[in-house]
Every structure is written in structure tokens, then in C-alpha cells.
Amino acid sequence: MARKYSKKASADVERAMKKRKAGTLRSGRSKKKVTSRKQAIAIGLSEARAEGKKVPKKTAKKRKTAKKTAGKTAKKSKRKAKK
């Protein structure tokens, strides 16, 4: 089975993790200090992706809006029925 991530991509993630541990890793535009391990990994993978290294594409987030809007309309109809 082939590797999901290239060795160079793994090295980028490792570098980001070491910078986080040292307290010098900063996030995007805001330049806030990164303290989260998951955020450090995401930054390393994002940089590897930008450099064209072998990294799988980001997975799309699942939408929950359909359920939320259905629940809101049901609540509104209940309110109208009470009046």
C-alpha cells in the first residue's frame, strides 16, 4: 500500500510541531500564537500542500444546516398555533 503523505510532507508537519513546542508557531493573518497540537498539524499539512507535496485533499465538512432550519420552522409553527 502506498503512503498517504510524502516523507517531505511529514517533515513539514514535524517542523511545525517543533515550532509550536518552542512557542514560535503563528497562525495565518492574525499571527496569533498556536498552542493546539491539531492546529500545528493542520498548518504543517497546509504548507506542504501549498508547496505541491503529496498530501491528500482536505475533506469537506458535513452540513448540518438542513436539520437546523427544519427545527426552526417547526418551532415557529408551534408558536403560531399557541397564539
Protein backbone atom coordinates (compact mmCIF):
# COMPACT_ATOMS: atom_id res chain seq x y z
CA MET A 1 0.00 0.00 0.00
CA ALA A 2 1.31 3.45 -0.92
CA ARG A 3 1.96 6.21 1.58
CA LYS A 4 -0.81 8.77 2.09
CA TYR A 5 1.68 11.55 2.87
CA SER A 6 5.14 12.01 1.39
CA LYS A 7 8.21 11.97 3.64
CA LYS A 8 8.75 15.68 2.89
CA ALA A 9 5.17 16.46 4.00
CA SER A 10 5.83 14.57 7.24
CA ALA A 11 8.96 16.64 7.72
CA ASP A 12 6.92 19.85 7.29
CA VAL A 13 4.47 18.70 9.97
CA GLU A 14 7.35 17.77 12.26
CA ARG A 15 8.89 21.24 11.78
CA ALA A 16 5.55 22.88 12.63
CA MET A 17 5.23 20.73 15.76
CA LYS A 18 8.72 21.72 16.92
CA LYS A 19 7.94 25.41 16.34
CA ARG A 20 4.72 25.01 18.37
CA LYS A 21 6.64 23.36 21.20
CA ALA A 22 9.16 26.21 21.15
CA GLY A 23 6.29 28.73 21.15
CA THR A 24 7.21 30.38 17.86
CA LEU A 25 4.48 28.96 15.58
CA ARG A 26 1.99 31.62 14.47
CA SER A 27 -1.31 31.23 12.63
CA GLY A 28 -2.46 32.87 9.36
CA ARG A 29 -3.36 36.55 9.09
CA SER A 30 -3.91 37.21 12.79
CA LYS A 31 -0.41 35.96 13.68
CA LYS A 32 -1.73 34.58 16.98
CA LYS A 33 0.46 32.05 18.78
CA VAL A 34 -0.62 28.45 18.10
CA THR A 35 -0.92 26.28 21.20
CA SER A 36 -3.12 23.49 19.83
CA ARG A 37 -1.44 20.31 18.60
CA LYS A 38 -4.15 19.78 15.97
CA GLN A 39 -3.76 23.32 14.67
CA ALA A 40 0.01 22.83 14.35
CA ILE A 41 -0.53 19.66 12.30
CA ALA A 42 -3.05 21.48 10.09
CA ILE A 43 -0.58 24.32 9.46
CA GLY A 44 2.20 21.85 8.55
CA LEU A 45 -0.07 19.98 6.11
CA SER A 46 -1.36 23.21 4.61
CA GLU A 47 2.19 24.44 3.95
CA ALA A 48 3.12 21.07 2.40
CA ARG A 49 0.02 21.25 0.20
CA ALA A 50 0.97 24.77 -0.93
CA GLU A 51 4.44 23.54 -1.91
CA GLY A 52 2.92 20.75 -4.02
CA LYS A 53 3.96 17.82 -1.83
CA LYS A 54 1.94 14.61 -1.71
CA VAL A 55 -0.84 15.32 0.78
CA PRO A 56 -4.48 14.22 0.45
CA LYS A 57 -7.05 16.93 -0.23
CA LYS A 58 -8.95 18.45 2.68
CA THR A 59 -12.17 16.62 3.50
CA ALA A 60 -15.35 18.65 3.15
CA LYS A 61 -17.27 19.39 6.34
CA LYS A 62 -20.70 17.82 6.64
CA ARG A 63 -23.54 20.32 6.61
CA LYS A 64 -25.97 20.46 9.50
CA THR A 65 -27.97 23.44 8.22
CA ALA A 66 -30.80 21.31 6.82
CA LYS A 67 -31.63 19.89 10.25
CA LYS A 68 -31.34 23.27 11.98
CA THR A 69 -33.67 25.05 9.58
CA ALA A 70 -36.22 22.23 9.77
CA GLY A 71 -36.22 22.52 13.56
CA LYS A 72 -36.66 26.31 13.44
CA THR A 73 -39.67 26.14 11.13
CA ALA A 74 -41.32 23.56 13.37
CA LYS A 75 -40.83 25.83 16.41
CA LYS A 76 -42.26 28.81 14.56
CA SER A 77 -45.37 26.88 13.55
CA LYS A 78 -45.89 25.79 17.18
CA ARG A 79 -45.67 29.43 18.33
CA LYS A 80 -48.26 30.50 15.77
CA ALA A 81 -50.59 27.66 16.87
CA LYS A 82 -50.44 28.84 20.50
CA LYS A 83 -51.45 32.40 19.59
